[in-house]
C-alpha atoms as a PDB file:
ATOM      1  CA  MET A   1      18.774  11.505 173.061  1.00  0.00           C
ATOM      2  CA  ILE A   2      19.848  10.108 169.689  1.00  0.00           C
ATOM      3  CA  ALA A   3      19.512  13.572 168.134  1.00  0.00           C
ATOM      4  CA  ILE A   4      21.808  15.060 170.787  1.00  0.00           C
ATOM      5  CA  ILE A   5      24.399  12.341 170.211  1.00  0.00           C
ATOM      6  CA  LYS A   6      24.320  13.056 166.456  1.00  0.00           C
ATOM      7  CA  ILE A   7      24.712  16.802 167.077  1.00  0.00           C
ATOM      8  CA  LEU A   8      27.634  16.133 169.431  1.00  0.00           C
ATOM      9  CA  ALA A   9      29.236  13.789 166.879  1.00  0.00           C
ATOM     10  CA  ASP A  10      28.918  16.483 164.193  1.00  0.00           C
ATOM     11  CA  VAL A  11      30.429  19.137 166.491  1.00  0.00           C
ATOM     12  CA  LEU A  12      33.333  16.849 167.379  1.00  0.00           C
ATOM     13  CA  GLU A  13      34.040  16.193 163.681  1.00  0.00           C
ATOM     14  CA  ALA A  14      36.213  19.131 162.569  1.00  0.00           C
ATOM     15  CA  ASP A  15      35.276  18.972 158.888  1.00  0.00           C
ATOM     16  CA  ARG A  16      31.625  19.740 159.776  1.00  0.00           C
ATOM     17  CA  ASP A  17      32.320  23.160 161.356  1.00  0.00           C
ATOM     18  CA  ASN A  18      30.652  25.095 158.532  1.00  0.00           C
ATOM     19  CA  ASN A  19      27.534  22.898 158.466  1.00  0.00           C
ATOM     20  CA  ILE A  20      26.219  22.938 162.045  1.00  0.00           C
ATOM     21  CA  LEU A  21      22.776  24.449 162.404  1.00  0.00           C
ATOM     22  CA  PHE A  22      22.610  27.262 164.946  1.00  0.00           C
ATOM     23  CA  SER A  23      19.571  25.654 166.584  1.00  0.00           C
ATOM     24  CA  ASP A  24      21.481  22.354 166.925  1.00  0.00           C
ATOM     25  CA  LEU A  25      24.395  24.087 168.645  1.00  0.00           C
ATOM     26  CA  GLN A  26      21.907  25.742 171.018  1.00  0.00           C
ATOM     27  CA  ARG A  27      20.262  22.377 171.760  1.00  0.00           C
ATOM     28  CA  LEU A  28      23.640  20.830 172.561  1.00  0.00           C
ATOM     29  CA  LEU A  29      24.651  23.651 174.903  1.00  0.00           C
ATOM     30  CA  ASP A  30      21.260  23.542 176.630  1.00  0.00           C
ATOM     31  CA  TYR A  31      21.552  19.775 177.001  1.00  0.00           C
ATOM     32  CA  LEU A  32      25.047  20.054 178.471  1.00  0.00           C
ATOM     33  CA  GLY A  33      23.635  22.257 181.223  1.00  0.00           C
ATOM     34  CA  PHE A  34      24.824  25.657 180.038  1.00  0.00           C
ATOM     35  CA  ARG A  35      22.765  28.659 181.068  1.00  0.00           C
ATOM     36  CA  ARG A  36      21.804  31.200 178.418  1.00  0.00           C
ATOM     37  CA  LYS A  37      21.314  34.949 178.208  1.00  0.00           C
ATOM     38  CA  VAL A  38      20.262  36.722 175.005  1.00  0.00           C
ATOM     39  CA  LYS A  39      21.472  40.216 174.082  1.00  0.00           C
ATOM     40  CA  GLY A  40      20.169  41.172 170.652  1.00  0.00           C
ATOM     41  CA  SER A  41      21.440  38.532 168.234  1.00  0.00           C
ATOM     42  CA  HIS A  42      24.059  37.299 170.714  1.00  0.00           C
ATOM     43  CA  PHE A  43      23.377  34.156 172.729  1.00  0.00           C
ATOM     44  CA  ILE A  44      25.709  34.000 175.699  1.00  0.00           C
ATOM     45  CA  TYR A  45      26.228  30.616 177.379  1.00  0.00           C
ATOM     46  CA  TRP A  46      28.042  29.796 180.595  1.00  0.00           C
ATOM     47  CA  ARG A  47      28.262  26.916 183.010  1.00  0.00           C
ATOM     48  CA  GLU A  48      29.520  26.596 186.546  1.00  0.00           C
ATOM     49  CA  GLY A  49      32.946  24.993 186.609  1.00  0.00           C
ATOM     50  CA  ILE A  50      33.861  26.141 183.084  1.00  0.00           C
ATOM     51  CA  ASP A  51      35.733  29.435 182.873  1.00  0.00           C
ATOM     52  CA  GLU A  52      35.097  30.086 179.194  1.00  0.00           C
ATOM     53  CA  ILE A  53      31.967  31.982 178.166  1.00  0.00           C
ATOM     54  CA  ILE A  54      30.487  31.038 174.800  1.00  0.00           C
ATOM     55  CA  ASN A  55      29.004  33.841 172.717  1.00  0.00           C
ATOM     56  CA  ILE A  56      27.245  32.624 169.563  1.00  0.00           C
ATOM     57  CA  GLN A  57      25.251  34.331 166.824  1.00  0.00           C
ATOM     58  CA  PRO A  58      23.406  32.772 163.897  1.00  0.00           C
ATOM     59  CA  GLU A  59      24.567  33.365 160.353  1.00  0.00           C
ATOM     60  CA  ALA A  60      22.039  32.291 157.716  1.00  0.00           C
ATOM     61  CA  GLY A  61      20.653  29.707 160.150  1.00  0.00           C
ATOM     62  CA  LYS A  62      24.028  28.140 160.854  1.00  0.00           C
ATOM     63  CA  ALA A  63      26.568  28.494 163.631  1.00  0.00           C
ATOM     64  CA  LYS A  64      29.824  30.212 162.749  1.00  0.00           C
ATOM     65  CA  ALA A  65      32.746  27.792 162.337  1.00  0.00           C
ATOM     66  CA  TYR A  66      34.906  29.396 165.028  1.00  0.00           C
ATOM     67  CA  GLN A  67      32.012  29.118 167.498  1.00  0.00           C
ATOM     68  CA  VAL A  68      31.590  25.409 166.696  1.00  0.00           C
ATOM     69  CA  ARG A  69      35.337  24.959 167.352  1.00  0.00           C
ATOM     70  CA  GLN A  70      34.934  26.734 170.695  1.00  0.00           C
ATOM     71  CA  VAL A  71      32.112  24.355 171.703  1.00  0.00           C
ATOM     72  CA  ARG A  72      34.152  21.363 170.466  1.00  0.00           C
ATOM     73  CA  ASN A  73      37.078  22.398 172.658  1.00  0.00           C
ATOM     74  CA  ILE A  74      34.818  22.697 175.691  1.00  0.00           C
ATOM     75  CA  SER A  75      33.116  19.370 174.878  1.00  0.00           C
ATOM     76  CA  THR A  76      36.526  17.693 174.723  1.00  0.00           C
ATOM     77  CA  VAL A  77      37.452  19.155 178.114  1.00  0.00           C
ATOM     78  CA  ILE A  78      34.154  17.913 179.601  1.00  0.00           C
ATOM     79  CA  ALA A  79      34.744  14.414 178.179  1.00  0.00           C
ATOM     80  CA  GLU A  80      38.293  14.309 179.587  1.00  0.00           C
ATOM     81  CA  TRP A  81      37.037  15.515 182.977  1.00  0.00           C
ATOM     82  CA  ILE A  82      34.393  12.759 183.044  1.00  0.00           C
ATOM     83  CA  GLU A  83      36.963  10.124 182.072  1.00  0.00           C
ATOM     84  CA  THR A  84      39.278  11.278 184.856  1.00  0.00           C
ATOM     85  CA  ALA A  85      36.437  11.391 187.400  1.00  0.00           C
ATOM     86  CA  GLU A  86      35.438   7.841 186.482  1.00  0.00           C
ATOM     87  CA  LEU A  87      39.031   6.637 186.896  1.00  0.00           C
ATOM     88  CA  LEU A  88      39.088   8.243 190.349  1.00  0.00           C
ATOM     89  CA  ASN A  89      35.603   6.906 191.227  1.00  0.00           C
ATOM     90  CA  ARG A  90      34.278  10.427 191.745  1.00  0.00           C
ATOM     91  CA  LYS A  91      30.638  11.424 191.321  1.00  0.00           C
ATOM     92  CA  ILE A  92      29.778  12.831 187.892  1.00  0.00           C
ATOM     93  CA  PRO A  93      26.937  15.372 187.834  1.00  0.00           C
ATOM     94  CA  GLU A  94      24.172  14.844 185.281  1.00  0.00           C
ATOM     95  CA  CYS A  95      23.659  17.186 182.346  1.00  0.00           C
ATOM     96  CA  SER A  96      20.229  18.779 182.142  1.00  0.00           C
ATOM     97  CA  GLY A  97      19.066  16.026 179.792  1.00  0.00           C
ATOM     98  CA  GLY A  98      21.137  13.148 181.171  1.00  0.00           C
ATOM     99  CA  ARG A  99      24.678  11.985 180.443  1.00  0.00           C
ATOM    100  CA  VAL A 100      25.971  12.365 176.909  1.00  0.00           C
ATOM    101  CA  PHE A 101      29.548  11.276 177.496  1.00  0.00           C
ATOM    102  CA  ALA A 102      30.306   7.813 178.755  1.00  0.00           C
END
């Protein structure tokens, strides 16, 4: 769990975009409950309730900066949704590995 929180913190920190390991970005997306399909070097992630599809490819073992930004934007939307749901006392579904945002 601590590793996931560190990965999420790195993704949310804009000046780290060029230094996120591809495997770490995959772990975060898996943890957040995204489903994955692989087509060649492309890893395609999607999740029910989120319209945007994430398509990532490794580059020298790292995630591409624009792909990290895409995940950051989605992570921010998820966090805002959870905050709103909590304010409205609505049920918040668990991520595949438990809640990351609180």
